[in-house]
Amino acid sequence: MEHLEIKAELREKKGKELAKKLRAEGKLPAVIYGENKESVALTVSLDDVKAILKAKMGINTTLKLKYGKKTEDAMIYELQYDYLGRDIIHVDFKRVDLNRPVEITVPVHLKGTPIGVKQEGGFLDFITREIELMCLPKDIIEEIVVDVSELHAGQSLKVSDLDLDEKYTLLTDESVVIATVTTGVEEEEEEVEEEVEGEEKAEPEVEEKGKSEPEEE
């Protein structure tokens, strides 16, 4: 299990001006909370936060967060970005108990080319790209790789089809579709039906307008 150490500083002041000054210095305002303890305002290095996100487990990386005379186990709980969605402006850390399960979001990656694509003229539609799990911090995984090579046209792979170890508890609904192989035929039929329905609805309107003209004369 990856376990990074991050140094932080206690932050007494708050406000937009201070936050702007910190960001100009390559730092970020942050806070740590959870585990029935008081929240603590902190300052962390932007480079350290980027290092966490680039780590193998990404945002699911467990940390040793050091500030003052304390060292606490934590994870990034939330990142706040600027209005353009590019620059990080604030970080929320959440304390974790290494002996208790935590909730994580894990990316899903597909492996293989479905039979329905290679031999049956279908198209692979990748619908759900991440799922939510609960597990102990030491069991956090980087990704979930799913083999879709046996999918035929018209078939789907759902969350319930995932072969997960018992140490992982699914939080995402099992009926959620991860990937499906479509043929495009159903879509064409639906478009034709919509066009026909649209024409049928339009005809009565023309007739009604035609009936109203003599009455006006």
C-alpha atoms as a PDB file:
ATOM      1  CA  MET A   1       0.000   0.000   0.000  1.00  0.00           C
ATOM      2  CA  GLU A   2       1.324   3.383  -1.002  1.00  0.00           C
ATOM      3  CA  HIS A   3       1.698   5.712   1.958  1.00  0.00           C
ATOM      4  CA  LEU A   4       3.011   9.243   1.329  1.00  0.00           C
ATOM      5  CA  GLU A   5       4.155  11.706   3.935  1.00  0.00           C
ATOM      6  CA  ILE A   6       3.009  15.298   3.518  1.00  0.00           C
ATOM      7  CA  LYS A   7       4.035  18.244   5.649  1.00  0.00           C
ATOM      8  CA  ALA A   8       1.494  20.954   6.368  1.00  0.00           C
ATOM      9  CA  GLU A   9       1.429  24.153   8.378  1.00  0.00           C
ATOM     10  CA  LEU A  10      -1.223  25.354  10.767  1.00  0.00           C
ATOM     11  CA  ARG A  11      -3.279  28.211   9.341  1.00  0.00           C
ATOM     12  CA  GLU A  12      -4.811  30.762  11.692  1.00  0.00           C
ATOM     13  CA  LYS A  13      -6.093  33.333   9.224  1.00  0.00           C
ATOM     14  CA  LYS A  14      -8.778  32.834   6.586  1.00  0.00           C
ATOM     15  CA  GLY A  15     -10.227  34.823   3.710  1.00  0.00           C
ATOM     16  CA  LYS A  16      -9.922  35.341  -0.032  1.00  0.00           C
ATOM     17  CA  GLU A  17      -6.928  37.658   0.190  1.00  0.00           C
ATOM     18  CA  LEU A  18      -4.928  35.152   2.222  1.00  0.00           C
ATOM     19  CA  ALA A  19      -5.894  32.338  -0.138  1.00  0.00           C
ATOM     20  CA  LYS A  20      -4.759  34.421  -3.105  1.00  0.00           C
ATOM     21  CA  LYS A  21      -1.444  35.163  -1.394  1.00  0.00           C
ATOM     22  CA  LEU A  22      -0.882  31.489  -0.567  1.00  0.00           C
ATOM     23  CA  ARG A  23      -1.534  30.395  -4.138  1.00  0.00           C
ATOM     24  CA  ALA A  24       0.943  33.004  -5.373  1.00  0.00           C
ATOM     25  CA  GLU A  25       3.534  31.312  -3.126  1.00  0.00           C
ATOM     26  CA  GLY A  26       2.741  27.862  -4.499  1.00  0.00           C
ATOM     27  CA  LYS A  27       0.669  26.892  -1.467  1.00  0.00           C
ATOM     28  CA  LEU A  28      -2.961  26.011  -0.896  1.00  0.00           C
ATOM     29  CA  PRO A  29      -5.404  26.525   1.959  1.00  0.00           C
ATOM     30  CA  ALA A  30      -6.567  23.182   3.313  1.00  0.00           C
ATOM     31  CA  VAL A  31      -8.505  21.612   6.139  1.00  0.00           C
ATOM     32  CA  ILE A  32      -8.490  18.214   7.837  1.00  0.00           C
ATOM     33  CA  TYR A  33     -11.520  16.763   9.626  1.00  0.00           C
ATOM     34  CA  GLY A  34     -13.274  13.522  10.527  1.00  0.00           C
ATOM     35  CA  GLU A  35     -13.014  10.731  13.106  1.00  0.00           C
ATOM     36  CA  ASN A  36     -15.040  12.794  15.608  1.00  0.00           C
ATOM     37  CA  LYS A  37     -12.239  15.314  16.002  1.00  0.00           C
ATOM     38  CA  GLU A  38     -12.230  19.040  15.437  1.00  0.00           C
ATOM     39  CA  SER A  39     -11.380  20.341  11.984  1.00  0.00           C
ATOM     40  CA  VAL A  40      -8.004  22.026  11.626  1.00  0.00           C
ATOM     41  CA  ALA A  41      -7.152  24.751   9.088  1.00  0.00           C
ATOM     42  CA  LEU A  42      -3.890  24.042   7.279  1.00  0.00           C
ATOM     43  CA  THR A  43      -1.623  25.190   4.484  1.00  0.00           C
ATOM     44  CA  VAL A  44      -0.084  22.642   2.110  1.00  0.00           C
ATOM     45  CA  SER A  45       2.253  22.774  -0.867  1.00  0.00           C
ATOM     46  CA  LEU A  46       0.615  22.664  -4.297  1.00  0.00           C
ATOM     47  CA  ASP A  47       3.475  20.455  -5.511  1.00  0.00           C
ATOM     48  CA  ASP A  48       2.731  17.950  -2.749  1.00  0.00           C
ATOM     49  CA  VAL A  49      -0.925  17.792  -3.758  1.00  0.00           C
ATOM     50  CA  LYS A  50       0.053  17.250  -7.405  1.00  0.00           C
ATOM     51  CA  ALA A  51       2.421  14.495  -6.292  1.00  0.00           C
ATOM     52  CA  ILE A  52      -0.478  12.749  -4.547  1.00  0.00           C
ATOM     53  CA  LEU A  53      -2.649  12.921  -7.656  1.00  0.00           C
ATOM     54  CA  LYS A  54       0.178  11.518  -9.797  1.00  0.00           C
ATOM     55  CA  ALA A  55       0.828   8.661  -7.368  1.00  0.00           C
ATOM     56  CA  LYS A  56      -0.210   5.119  -8.268  1.00  0.00           C
ATOM     57  CA  MET A  57      -3.460   5.283  -6.280  1.00  0.00           C
ATOM     58  CA  GLY A  58      -4.149   8.894  -7.188  1.00  0.00           C
ATOM     59  CA  ILE A  59      -6.759  10.582  -5.034  1.00  0.00           C
ATOM     60  CA  ASN A  60      -7.207   7.302  -3.120  1.00  0.00           C
ATOM     61  CA  THR A  61      -3.657   7.501  -1.743  1.00  0.00           C
ATOM     62  CA  THR A  62      -3.423   7.233   2.050  1.00  0.00           C
ATOM     63  CA  LEU A  63      -1.200   9.849   3.675  1.00  0.00           C
ATOM     64  CA  LYS A  64       0.753  10.607   6.784  1.00  0.00           C
ATOM     65  CA  LEU A  65      -0.183  14.260   7.192  1.00  0.00           C
ATOM     66  CA  LYS A  66       2.205  16.055   9.539  1.00  0.00           C
ATOM     67  CA  TYR A  67       1.447  19.439  11.069  1.00  0.00           C
ATOM     68  CA  GLY A  68       2.581  21.008  14.312  1.00  0.00           C
ATOM     69  CA  LYS A  69       3.466  18.115  16.607  1.00  0.00           C
ATOM     70  CA  LYS A  70       0.832  15.793  15.115  1.00  0.00           C
ATOM     71  CA  THR A  71       0.888  13.122  12.447  1.00  0.00           C
ATOM     72  CA  GLU A  72      -2.460  11.825  11.190  1.00  0.00           C
ATOM     73  CA  ASP A  73      -3.526   9.210   8.678  1.00  0.00           C
ATOM     74  CA  ALA A  74      -5.622  10.892   6.031  1.00  0.00           C
ATOM     75  CA  MET A  75      -6.832  10.918   2.435  1.00  0.00           C
ATOM     76  CA  ILE A  76      -7.872  13.672   0.070  1.00  0.00           C
ATOM     77  CA  TYR A  77     -11.636  13.935   0.384  1.00  0.00           C
ATOM     78  CA  GLU A  78     -12.361  16.822  -1.960  1.00  0.00           C
ATOM     79  CA  LEU A  79     -10.526  19.190  -4.300  1.00  0.00           C
ATOM     80  CA  GLN A  80     -11.964  22.593  -5.128  1.00  0.00           C
ATOM     81  CA  TYR A  81     -11.063  24.197  -8.454  1.00  0.00           C
ATOM     82  CA  ASP A  82     -11.301  27.724  -9.841  1.00  0.00           C
ATOM     83  CA  TYR A  83     -14.232  28.795 -12.004  1.00  0.00           C
ATOM     84  CA  LEU A  84     -12.446  27.518 -15.108  1.00  0.00           C
ATOM     85  CA  GLY A  85     -12.021  24.095 -13.532  1.00  0.00           C
ATOM     86  CA  ARG A  86      -8.257  24.100 -14.087  1.00  0.00           C
ATOM     87  CA  ASP A  87      -6.421  25.260 -10.966  1.00  0.00           C
ATOM     88  CA  ILE A  88      -6.841  23.742  -7.498  1.00  0.00           C
ATOM     89  CA  ILE A  89      -7.762  26.391  -4.950  1.00  0.00           C
ATOM     90  CA  HIS A  90      -8.535  24.351  -1.815  1.00  0.00           C
ATOM     91  CA  VAL A  91      -8.002  20.843  -0.430  1.00  0.00           C
ATOM     92  CA  ASP A  92     -10.105  18.895   2.056  1.00  0.00           C
ATOM     93  CA  PHE A  93      -8.355  16.051   3.883  1.00  0.00           C
ATOM     94  CA  LYS A  94     -10.287  13.452   5.836  1.00  0.00           C
ATOM     95  CA  ARG A  95      -8.831  11.503   8.735  1.00  0.00           C
ATOM     96  CA  VAL A  96      -8.913   7.725   8.302  1.00  0.00           C
ATOM     97  CA  ASP A  97      -8.612   4.817  10.687  1.00  0.00           C
ATOM     98  CA  LEU A  98      -6.372   2.229   9.020  1.00  0.00           C
ATOM     99  CA  ASN A  99      -8.386  -0.515  10.728  1.00  0.00           C
ATOM    100  CA  ARG A 100     -11.758   0.655   9.406  1.00  0.00           C
ATOM    101  CA  PRO A 101     -13.159   0.570   5.843  1.00  0.00           C
ATOM    102  CA  VAL A 102     -13.172   3.743   3.748  1.00  0.00           C
ATOM    103  CA  GLU A 103     -15.259   4.700   0.746  1.00  0.00           C
ATOM    104  CA  ILE A 104     -13.340   5.095  -2.512  1.00  0.00           C
ATOM    105  CA  THR A 105     -14.047   5.722  -6.189  1.00  0.00           C
ATOM    106  CA  VAL A 106     -12.105   3.400  -8.501  1.00  0.00           C
ATOM    107  CA  PRO A 107     -11.670   3.838 -12.263  1.00  0.00           C
ATOM    108  CA  VAL A 108     -12.818   1.018 -14.558  1.00  0.00           C
ATOM    109  CA  HIS A 109     -10.771   0.013 -17.611  1.00  0.00           C
ATOM    110  CA  LEU A 110     -11.855  -2.331 -20.390  1.00  0.00           C
ATOM    111  CA  LYS A 111      -9.671  -5.083 -21.835  1.00  0.00           C
ATOM    112  CA  GLY A 112     -10.097  -6.873 -25.155  1.00  0.00           C
ATOM    113  CA  THR A 113     -12.292  -6.383 -28.209  1.00  0.00           C
ATOM    114  CA  PRO A 114     -15.816  -7.835 -27.987  1.00  0.00           C
ATOM    115  CA  ILE A 115     -16.888 -10.601 -30.375  1.00  0.00           C
ATOM    116  CA  GLY A 116     -19.874  -8.422 -31.149  1.00  0.00           C
ATOM    117  CA  VAL A 117     -17.531  -5.777 -32.538  1.00  0.00           C
ATOM    118  CA  LYS A 118     -15.072  -8.030 -34.379  1.00  0.00           C
ATOM    119  CA  GLN A 119     -17.541 -10.439 -35.949  1.00  0.00           C
ATOM    120  CA  GLU A 120     -21.068  -9.069 -35.625  1.00  0.00           C
ATOM    121  CA  GLY A 121     -20.769  -5.448 -36.710  1.00  0.00           C
ATOM    122  CA  GLY A 122     -21.522  -3.994 -33.297  1.00  0.00           C
ATOM    123  CA  PHE A 123     -20.126  -0.983 -31.470  1.00  0.00           C
ATOM    124  CA  LEU A 124     -18.731  -0.929 -27.936  1.00  0.00           C
ATOM    125  CA  ASP A 125     -20.331   1.692 -25.707  1.00  0.00           C
ATOM    126  CA  PHE A 126     -18.314   2.356 -22.521  1.00  0.00           C
ATOM    127  CA  ILE A 127     -20.931   3.796 -20.153  1.00  0.00           C
ATOM    128  CA  THR A 128     -19.698   3.645 -16.544  1.00  0.00           C
ATOM    129  CA  ARG A 129     -16.028   4.532 -16.103  1.00  0.00           C
ATOM    130  CA  GLU A 130     -15.764   4.375 -12.316  1.00  0.00           C
ATOM    131  CA  ILE A 131     -17.493   2.648  -9.424  1.00  0.00           C
ATOM    132  CA  GLU A 132     -17.665   3.179  -5.682  1.00  0.00           C
ATOM    133  CA  LEU A 133     -16.325   0.622  -3.221  1.00  0.00           C
ATOM    134  CA  MET A 134     -15.690   0.254   0.465  1.00  0.00           C
ATOM    135  CA  CYS A 135     -12.565  -1.465   1.798  1.00  0.00           C
ATOM    136  CA  LEU A 136      -9.748  -1.181   4.314  1.00  0.00           C
ATOM    137  CA  PRO A 137      -7.098   1.414   3.412  1.00  0.00           C
ATOM    138  CA  LYS A 138      -4.491  -1.340   2.946  1.00  0.00           C
ATOM    139  CA  ASP A 139      -6.698  -2.989   0.290  1.00  0.00           C
ATOM    140  CA  ILE A 140      -7.241   0.101  -1.877  1.00  0.00           C
ATOM    141  CA  ILE A 141      -6.733  -0.745  -5.551  1.00  0.00           C
ATOM    142  CA  GLU A 142      -5.556   1.416  -8.418  1.00  0.00           C
ATOM    143  CA  GLU A 143      -8.157   0.294 -10.969  1.00  0.00           C
ATOM    144  CA  ILE A 144     -10.579  -2.429 -11.977  1.00  0.00           C
ATOM    145  CA  VAL A 145      -9.829  -4.099 -15.308  1.00  0.00           C
ATOM    146  CA  VAL A 146     -12.759  -5.816 -17.029  1.00  0.00           C
ATOM    147  CA  ASP A 147     -12.455  -8.238 -19.956  1.00  0.00           C
ATOM    148  CA  VAL A 148     -15.177  -7.545 -22.535  1.00  0.00           C
ATOM    149  CA  SER A 149     -13.864  -9.836 -25.286  1.00  0.00           C
ATOM    150  CA  GLU A 150     -16.756 -12.331 -24.867  1.00  0.00           C
ATOM    151  CA  LEU A 151     -19.544  -9.782 -25.259  1.00  0.00           C
ATOM    152  CA  HIS A 152     -21.825 -10.379 -28.249  1.00  0.00           C
ATOM    153  CA  ALA A 153     -23.925  -7.762 -30.032  1.00  0.00           C
ATOM    154  CA  GLY A 154     -26.848  -6.795 -27.817  1.00  0.00           C
ATOM    155  CA  GLN A 155     -25.138  -7.934 -24.622  1.00  0.00           C
ATOM    156  CA  SER A 156     -24.116  -5.756 -21.678  1.00  0.00           C
ATOM    157  CA  LEU A 157     -21.715  -6.001 -18.779  1.00  0.00           C
ATOM    158  CA  LYS A 158     -23.118  -4.811 -15.448  1.00  0.00           C
ATOM    159  CA  VAL A 159     -21.605  -4.010 -12.087  1.00  0.00           C
ATOM    160  CA  SER A 160     -23.054  -7.292 -10.803  1.00  0.00           C
ATOM    161  CA  ASP A 161     -20.802  -9.138 -13.275  1.00  0.00           C
ATOM    162  CA  LEU A 162     -17.614  -7.876 -11.644  1.00  0.00           C
ATOM    163  CA  ASP A 163     -15.538 -10.562  -9.959  1.00  0.00           C
ATOM    164  CA  LEU A 164     -14.473  -8.778  -6.779  1.00  0.00           C
ATOM    165  CA  ASP A 165     -12.791 -10.193  -3.718  1.00  0.00           C
ATOM    166  CA  GLU A 166     -14.894 -10.460  -0.562  1.00  0.00           C
ATOM    167  CA  LYS A 167     -12.844  -7.721   1.069  1.00  0.00           C
ATOM    168  CA  TYR A 168     -14.518  -5.197  -1.253  1.00  0.00           C
ATOM    169  CA  THR A 169     -18.074  -4.001  -0.693  1.00  0.00           C
ATOM    170  CA  LEU A 170     -19.888  -2.557  -3.694  1.00  0.00           C
ATOM    171  CA  LEU A 171     -21.565   0.788  -3.149  1.00  0.00           C
ATOM    172  CA  THR A 172     -22.544   1.334  -6.780  1.00  0.00           C
ATOM    173  CA  ASP A 173     -25.878  -0.259  -7.696  1.00  0.00           C
ATOM    174  CA  GLU A 174     -25.322  -3.728  -9.192  1.00  0.00           C
ATOM    175  CA  SER A 175     -27.784  -3.028 -12.018  1.00  0.00           C
ATOM    176  CA  VAL A 176     -25.617  -0.221 -13.410  1.00  0.00           C
ATOM    177  CA  VAL A 177     -24.324  -1.029 -16.913  1.00  0.00           C
ATOM    178  CA  ILE A 178     -20.572  -0.702 -17.383  1.00  0.00           C
ATOM    179  CA  ALA A 179     -20.380  -1.455 -21.118  1.00  0.00           C
ATOM    180  CA  THR A 180     -22.660  -2.676 -23.855  1.00  0.00           C
ATOM    181  CA  VAL A 181     -22.303  -3.752 -27.486  1.00  0.00           C
ATOM    182  CA  THR A 182     -24.873  -2.064 -29.686  1.00  0.00           C
ATOM    183  CA  THR A 183     -25.678  -2.818 -33.324  1.00  0.00           C
ATOM    184  CA  GLY A 184     -27.190   0.508 -34.343  1.00  0.00           C
ATOM    185  CA  VAL A 185     -30.304  -1.279 -35.728  1.00  0.00           C
ATOM    186  CA  GLU A 186     -32.495  -0.434 -32.748  1.00  0.00           C
ATOM    187  CA  GLU A 187     -31.450   3.212 -32.926  1.00  0.00           C
ATOM    188  CA  GLU A 188     -32.419   3.394 -36.626  1.00  0.00           C
ATOM    189  CA  GLU A 189     -35.804   1.797 -35.893  1.00  0.00           C
ATOM    190  CA  GLU A 190     -36.438   4.280 -33.093  1.00  0.00           C
ATOM    191  CA  GLU A 191     -35.606   7.194 -35.392  1.00  0.00           C
ATOM    192  CA  VAL A 192     -38.011   5.882 -38.050  1.00  0.00           C
ATOM    193  CA  GLU A 193     -40.763   5.427 -35.452  1.00  0.00           C
ATOM    194  CA  GLU A 194     -40.234   8.970 -34.183  1.00  0.00           C
ATOM    195  CA  GLU A 195     -40.468  10.349 -37.719  1.00  0.00           C
ATOM    196  CA  VAL A 196     -43.709   8.422 -38.369  1.00  0.00           C
ATOM    197  CA  GLU A 197     -45.216   9.549 -35.074  1.00  0.00           C
ATOM    198  CA  GLY A 198     -44.200  13.119 -35.855  1.00  0.00           C
ATOM    199  CA  GLU A 199     -45.957  12.972 -39.243  1.00  0.00           C
ATOM    200  CA  GLU A 200     -49.111  11.461 -37.724  1.00  0.00           C
ATOM    201  CA  LYS A 201     -49.253  14.220 -35.153  1.00  0.00           C
ATOM    202  CA  ALA A 202     -48.683  16.922 -37.742  1.00  0.00           C
ATOM    203  CA  GLU A 203     -51.541  15.862 -40.082  1.00  0.00           C
ATOM    204  CA  PRO A 204     -54.485  16.684 -37.767  1.00  0.00           C
ATOM    205  CA  GLU A 205     -53.085  20.181 -37.270  1.00  0.00           C
ATOM    206  CA  VAL A 206     -53.176  20.858 -41.024  1.00  0.00           C
ATOM    207  CA  GLU A 207     -56.744  19.575 -41.271  1.00  0.00           C
ATOM    208  CA  GLU A 208     -57.907  21.725 -38.402  1.00  0.00           C
ATOM    209  CA  LYS A 209     -56.393  24.834 -39.960  1.00  0.00           C
ATOM    210  CA  GLY A 210     -58.117  23.975 -43.238  1.00  0.00           C
ATOM    211  CA  LYS A 211     -61.496  23.703 -41.531  1.00  0.00           C
ATOM    212  CA  SER A 212     -61.181  27.030 -39.836  1.00  0.00           C
ATOM    213  CA  GLU A 213     -60.671  29.064 -43.025  1.00  0.00           C
ATOM    214  CA  PRO A 214     -64.276  28.853 -44.382  1.00  0.00           C
ATOM    215  CA  GLU A 215     -65.660  29.886 -41.001  1.00  0.00           C
ATOM    216  CA  GLU A 216     -63.604  33.084 -41.097  1.00  0.00           C
ATOM    217  CA  GLU A 217     -64.942  33.904 -44.609  1.00  0.00           C
END
